[in-house]
Amino acid sequence: FQLMQAKVADMYVAMQSARAYVYAVAKACDAGQTTRFDAAGAILLASENAFRAAGEAVQALGGAGYTKDWPVERFLRDAKLLDIGAGTNEIRRMLIGRELIGC
């Protein structure tokens, strides 16, 4: 039971950290102070945290996590789409690295 509590706590922290980063970037964007790598970083963090959390949820349910009886199978599919939609996370990493290094 404690292992499941720890997994749920980790999922919560991952989602809240991604949410805070997205909100900070959105606030900077509203103020005209955002950068391309901030936006890419927010998407990267949110998509990876969502996929990791959905994967943990599927694993917690075992084989049932892959069935349509539980919504986590859809969460995992949706989270993977965040990774590949509107550019892959690898492209986002390249953009961030290029902007930070200046190449």
N, C-alpha and C. Protein backbone atom coordinates (compact mmCIF):
# COMPACT_ATOMS: atom_id res chain seq x y z
N PHE A 1 0.82 -1.20 0.00
CA PHE A 1 0.00 0.00 0.00
C PHE A 1 0.86 1.27 0.00
N GLN A 2 1.98 1.24 0.78
CA GLN A 2 2.83 2.42 0.81
C GLN A 2 3.49 2.68 -0.54
N LEU A 3 3.79 1.61 -1.27
CA LEU A 3 4.39 1.78 -2.59
C LEU A 3 3.42 2.52 -3.52
N MET A 4 2.14 2.17 -3.44
CA MET A 4 1.14 2.85 -4.27
C MET A 4 1.00 4.31 -3.84
N GLN A 5 1.06 4.57 -2.55
CA GLN A 5 0.99 5.95 -2.08
C GLN A 5 2.16 6.76 -2.64
N ALA A 6 3.34 6.16 -2.64
CA ALA A 6 4.52 6.85 -3.16
C ALA A 6 4.37 7.12 -4.65
N LYS A 7 3.83 6.15 -5.40
CA LYS A 7 3.63 6.35 -6.84
C LYS A 7 2.64 7.48 -7.11
N VAL A 8 1.55 7.49 -6.37
CA VAL A 8 0.54 8.54 -6.54
C VAL A 8 1.14 9.90 -6.16
N ALA A 9 1.93 9.94 -5.10
CA ALA A 9 2.58 11.19 -4.71
C ALA A 9 3.53 11.68 -5.80
N ASP A 10 4.30 10.76 -6.39
CA ASP A 10 5.21 11.14 -7.47
C ASP A 10 4.44 11.66 -8.68
N MET A 11 3.32 11.01 -9.01
CA MET A 11 2.50 11.47 -10.14
C MET A 11 1.97 12.88 -9.87
N TYR A 12 1.52 13.10 -8.66
CA TYR A 12 0.98 14.41 -8.29
C TYR A 12 2.05 15.50 -8.41
N VAL A 13 3.23 15.23 -7.88
CA VAL A 13 4.32 16.21 -7.93
C VAL A 13 4.73 16.48 -9.37
N ALA A 14 4.80 15.43 -10.19
CA ALA A 14 5.17 15.60 -11.60
C ALA A 14 4.15 16.47 -12.33
N MET A 15 2.88 16.23 -12.10
CA MET A 15 1.86 17.01 -12.78
C MET A 15 1.83 18.46 -12.28
N GLN A 16 2.01 18.65 -10.98
CA GLN A 16 2.00 20.02 -10.44
C GLN A 16 3.22 20.81 -10.90
N SER A 17 4.37 20.16 -11.01
CA SER A 17 5.56 20.88 -11.49
C SER A 17 5.39 21.27 -12.95
N ALA A 18 4.83 20.39 -13.75
CA ALA A 18 4.57 20.72 -15.16
C ALA A 18 3.56 21.85 -15.26
N ARG A 19 2.52 21.78 -14.46
CA ARG A 19 1.49 22.83 -14.48
C ARG A 19 2.10 24.18 -14.10
N ALA A 20 2.94 24.21 -13.08
CA ALA A 20 3.57 25.46 -12.65
C ALA A 20 4.45 26.03 -13.75
N TYR A 21 5.19 25.18 -14.44
CA TYR A 21 6.05 25.64 -15.53
C TYR A 21 5.21 26.20 -16.68
N VAL A 22 4.16 25.49 -17.04
CA VAL A 22 3.27 25.95 -18.12
C VAL A 22 2.66 27.30 -17.76
N TYR A 23 2.17 27.44 -16.52
CA TYR A 23 1.58 28.72 -16.11
C TYR A 23 2.62 29.84 -16.12
N ALA A 24 3.84 29.55 -15.68
CA ALA A 24 4.89 30.57 -15.68
C ALA A 24 5.22 31.02 -17.10
N VAL A 25 5.28 30.07 -18.03
CA VAL A 25 5.56 30.42 -19.43
C VAL A 25 4.39 31.20 -20.02
N ALA A 26 3.16 30.80 -19.68
CA ALA A 26 1.98 31.53 -20.19
C ALA A 26 1.96 32.96 -19.66
N LYS A 27 2.31 33.14 -18.39
CA LYS A 27 2.36 34.49 -17.81
C LYS A 27 3.43 35.32 -18.51
N ALA A 28 4.60 34.73 -18.75
CA ALA A 28 5.67 35.44 -19.46
C ALA A 28 5.24 35.79 -20.88
N CYS A 29 4.51 34.88 -21.51
CA CYS A 29 4.02 35.12 -22.87
C CYS A 29 3.05 36.30 -22.87
N ASP A 30 2.15 36.33 -21.91
CA ASP A 30 1.22 37.46 -21.80
C ASP A 30 1.94 38.78 -21.62
N ALA A 31 3.09 38.74 -20.95
CA ALA A 31 3.87 39.95 -20.71
C ALA A 31 4.85 40.24 -21.84
N GLY A 32 4.85 39.39 -22.87
CA GLY A 32 5.75 39.57 -24.00
C GLY A 32 7.19 39.23 -23.68
N GLN A 33 7.41 38.38 -22.69
CA GLN A 33 8.76 38.06 -22.24
C GLN A 33 9.14 36.59 -22.43
N THR A 34 8.41 35.87 -23.21
CA THR A 34 8.69 34.44 -23.35
C THR A 34 9.73 34.21 -24.43
N THR A 35 10.37 33.07 -24.34
CA THR A 35 11.33 32.66 -25.35
C THR A 35 10.87 31.35 -25.97
N ARG A 36 11.43 31.06 -27.13
CA ARG A 36 11.06 29.81 -27.80
C ARG A 36 11.43 28.61 -26.95
N PHE A 37 12.57 28.67 -26.28
CA PHE A 37 12.96 27.49 -25.52
C PHE A 37 12.16 27.34 -24.23
N ASP A 38 11.59 28.43 -23.71
CA ASP A 38 10.69 28.28 -22.57
C ASP A 38 9.43 27.53 -22.97
N ALA A 39 8.85 27.91 -24.10
CA ALA A 39 7.65 27.23 -24.57
C ALA A 39 7.94 25.76 -24.86
N ALA A 40 9.05 25.50 -25.54
CA ALA A 40 9.42 24.11 -25.85
C ALA A 40 9.69 23.33 -24.57
N GLY A 41 10.32 23.98 -23.59
CA GLY A 41 10.61 23.31 -22.32
C GLY A 41 9.35 22.95 -21.55
N ALA A 42 8.37 23.84 -21.57
CA ALA A 42 7.11 23.56 -20.88
C ALA A 42 6.39 22.38 -21.52
N ILE A 43 6.37 22.35 -22.84
CA ILE A 43 5.73 21.23 -23.55
C ILE A 43 6.49 19.94 -23.28
N LEU A 44 7.81 20.00 -23.32
CA LEU A 44 8.64 18.83 -23.09
C LEU A 44 8.40 18.26 -21.70
N LEU A 45 8.47 19.10 -20.68
CA LEU A 45 8.27 18.63 -19.31
C LEU A 45 6.87 18.07 -19.11
N ALA A 46 5.86 18.79 -19.59
CA ALA A 46 4.48 18.33 -19.41
C ALA A 46 4.23 17.01 -20.12
N SER A 47 4.72 16.87 -21.34
CA SER A 47 4.46 15.63 -22.08
C SER A 47 5.18 14.44 -21.45
N GLU A 48 6.42 14.63 -21.02
CA GLU A 48 7.15 13.52 -20.40
C GLU A 48 6.57 13.16 -19.04
N ASN A 49 6.18 14.15 -18.25
CA ASN A 49 5.57 13.85 -16.96
C ASN A 49 4.22 13.16 -17.13
N ALA A 50 3.44 13.59 -18.11
CA ALA A 50 2.14 12.96 -18.35
C ALA A 50 2.31 11.51 -18.77
N PHE A 51 3.26 11.24 -19.66
CA PHE A 51 3.47 9.86 -20.12
C PHE A 51 3.97 8.98 -18.98
N ARG A 52 4.87 9.52 -18.17
CA ARG A 52 5.39 8.74 -17.04
C ARG A 52 4.28 8.44 -16.04
N ALA A 53 3.45 9.42 -15.72
CA ALA A 53 2.36 9.23 -14.77
C ALA A 53 1.33 8.24 -15.30
N ALA A 54 0.99 8.36 -16.57
CA ALA A 54 0.03 7.43 -17.17
C ALA A 54 0.60 6.01 -17.19
N GLY A 55 1.87 5.88 -17.48
CA GLY A 55 2.50 4.56 -17.46
C GLY A 55 2.48 3.94 -16.07
N GLU A 56 2.74 4.75 -15.06
CA GLU A 56 2.68 4.25 -13.67
C GLU A 56 1.26 3.83 -13.31
N ALA A 57 0.27 4.58 -13.78
CA ALA A 57 -1.12 4.23 -13.49
C ALA A 57 -1.50 2.91 -14.16
N VAL A 58 -1.06 2.71 -15.40
CA VAL A 58 -1.32 1.44 -16.09
C VAL A 58 -0.64 0.31 -15.34
N GLN A 59 0.60 0.52 -14.95
CA GLN A 59 1.34 -0.53 -14.24
C GLN A 59 0.68 -0.86 -12.90
N ALA A 60 0.15 0.14 -12.22
CA ALA A 60 -0.50 -0.09 -10.93
C ALA A 60 -1.72 -0.99 -11.08
N LEU A 61 -2.40 -0.90 -12.22
CA LEU A 61 -3.59 -1.72 -12.45
C LEU A 61 -3.25 -3.07 -13.06
N GLY A 62 -2.00 -3.28 -13.44
CA GLY A 62 -1.61 -4.54 -14.06
C GLY A 62 -2.24 -4.68 -15.43
N GLY A 63 -2.58 -5.90 -15.80
CA GLY A 63 -3.17 -6.17 -17.11
C GLY A 63 -4.46 -5.42 -17.35
N ALA A 64 -5.20 -5.17 -16.29
CA ALA A 64 -6.46 -4.44 -16.42
C ALA A 64 -6.23 -3.00 -16.89
N GLY A 65 -5.04 -2.48 -16.66
CA GLY A 65 -4.73 -1.12 -17.08
C GLY A 65 -4.73 -0.94 -18.58
N TYR A 66 -4.59 -2.04 -19.32
CA TYR A 66 -4.59 -1.97 -20.78
C TYR A 66 -5.98 -2.13 -21.38
N THR A 67 -6.95 -2.44 -20.55
CA THR A 67 -8.30 -2.65 -21.07
C THR A 67 -9.08 -1.35 -21.06
N LYS A 68 -10.14 -1.32 -21.83
CA LYS A 68 -10.99 -0.13 -21.89
C LYS A 68 -11.90 -0.01 -20.67
N ASP A 69 -11.79 -0.97 -19.75
CA ASP A 69 -12.57 -0.89 -18.51
C ASP A 69 -12.07 0.23 -17.60
N TRP A 70 -10.83 0.63 -17.80
CA TRP A 70 -10.21 1.69 -16.99
C TRP A 70 -9.78 2.83 -17.91
N PRO A 71 -9.96 4.07 -17.48
CA PRO A 71 -9.60 5.20 -18.35
C PRO A 71 -8.10 5.39 -18.52
N VAL A 72 -7.28 4.70 -17.73
CA VAL A 72 -5.83 4.94 -17.83
C VAL A 72 -5.25 4.49 -19.15
N GLU A 73 -5.87 3.54 -19.82
CA GLU A 73 -5.34 3.12 -21.13
C GLU A 73 -5.46 4.28 -22.13
N ARG A 74 -6.52 5.05 -22.03
CA ARG A 74 -6.68 6.23 -22.88
C ARG A 74 -5.71 7.33 -22.47
N PHE A 75 -5.50 7.48 -21.17
CA PHE A 75 -4.55 8.49 -20.70
C PHE A 75 -3.16 8.21 -21.26
N LEU A 76 -2.78 6.94 -21.31
CA LEU A 76 -1.46 6.59 -21.84
C LEU A 76 -1.37 6.91 -23.33
N ARG A 77 -2.42 6.59 -24.08
CA ARG A 77 -2.43 6.92 -25.51
C ARG A 77 -2.40 8.43 -25.72
N ASP A 78 -3.20 9.16 -24.96
CA ASP A 78 -3.22 10.62 -25.08
C ASP A 78 -1.87 11.23 -24.72
N ALA A 79 -1.25 10.70 -23.68
CA ALA A 79 0.05 11.22 -23.26
C ALA A 79 1.11 10.98 -24.32
N LYS A 80 1.04 9.85 -24.99
CA LYS A 80 2.00 9.58 -26.07
C LYS A 80 1.80 10.57 -27.21
N LEU A 81 0.57 10.94 -27.48
CA LEU A 81 0.30 11.92 -28.53
C LEU A 81 0.92 13.28 -28.19
N LEU A 82 0.96 13.63 -26.90
CA LEU A 82 1.62 14.87 -26.50
C LEU A 82 3.10 14.84 -26.85
N ASP A 83 3.68 13.66 -26.78
CA ASP A 83 5.11 13.48 -27.08
C ASP A 83 5.40 13.67 -28.56
N ILE A 84 4.50 13.24 -29.42
CA ILE A 84 4.78 13.27 -30.86
C ILE A 84 4.00 14.34 -31.61
N GLY A 85 2.98 14.91 -31.00
CA GLY A 85 2.17 15.91 -31.68
C GLY A 85 2.88 17.26 -31.71
N ALA A 86 2.73 17.98 -32.79
CA ALA A 86 3.33 19.32 -32.96
C ALA A 86 4.83 19.30 -32.73
N GLY A 87 5.48 18.28 -33.23
CA GLY A 87 6.92 18.12 -33.07
C GLY A 87 7.24 17.16 -31.95
N THR A 88 8.26 16.36 -32.14
CA THR A 88 8.61 15.37 -31.12
C THR A 88 9.42 16.00 -30.01
N ASN A 89 9.53 15.27 -28.91
CA ASN A 89 10.34 15.77 -27.80
C ASN A 89 11.81 15.89 -28.19
N GLU A 90 12.26 15.06 -29.12
CA GLU A 90 13.64 15.19 -29.59
C GLU A 90 13.85 16.52 -30.30
N ILE A 91 12.88 16.92 -31.10
CA ILE A 91 12.95 18.22 -31.78
C ILE A 91 12.92 19.34 -30.75
N ARG A 92 12.09 19.20 -29.73
CA ARG A 92 12.04 20.22 -28.68
C ARG A 92 13.39 20.33 -27.98
N ARG A 93 14.03 19.19 -27.71
CA ARG A 93 15.35 19.21 -27.08
C ARG A 93 16.37 19.91 -27.97
N MET A 94 16.32 19.62 -29.27
CA MET A 94 17.24 20.27 -30.20
C MET A 94 17.03 21.78 -30.19
N LEU A 95 15.77 22.21 -30.20
CA LEU A 95 15.46 23.64 -30.20
C LEU A 95 15.98 24.29 -28.92
N ILE A 96 15.73 23.66 -27.78
CA ILE A 96 16.18 24.22 -26.51
C ILE A 96 17.71 24.30 -26.48
N GLY A 97 18.37 23.23 -26.86
CA GLY A 97 19.83 23.22 -26.87
C GLY A 97 20.40 24.27 -27.79
N ARG A 98 19.83 24.39 -28.97
CA ARG A 98 20.30 25.38 -29.95
C ARG A 98 20.13 26.80 -29.40
N GLU A 99 18.99 27.07 -28.79
CA GLU A 99 18.75 28.41 -28.25
C GLU A 99 19.68 28.72 -27.08
N LEU A 100 19.93 27.74 -26.23
CA LEU A 100 20.77 27.97 -25.06
C LEU A 100 22.25 28.09 -25.42
N ILE A 101 22.70 27.27 -26.35
CA ILE A 101 24.10 27.29 -26.75
C ILE A 101 24.37 28.41 -27.73
N GLY A 102 23.37 28.74 -28.53
CA GLY A 102 23.51 29.83 -29.48
C GLY A 102 24.03 29.41 -30.83
N CYS A 103 23.81 28.18 -31.19
CA CYS A 103 24.26 27.69 -32.51
C CYS A 103 23.14 27.76 -33.52
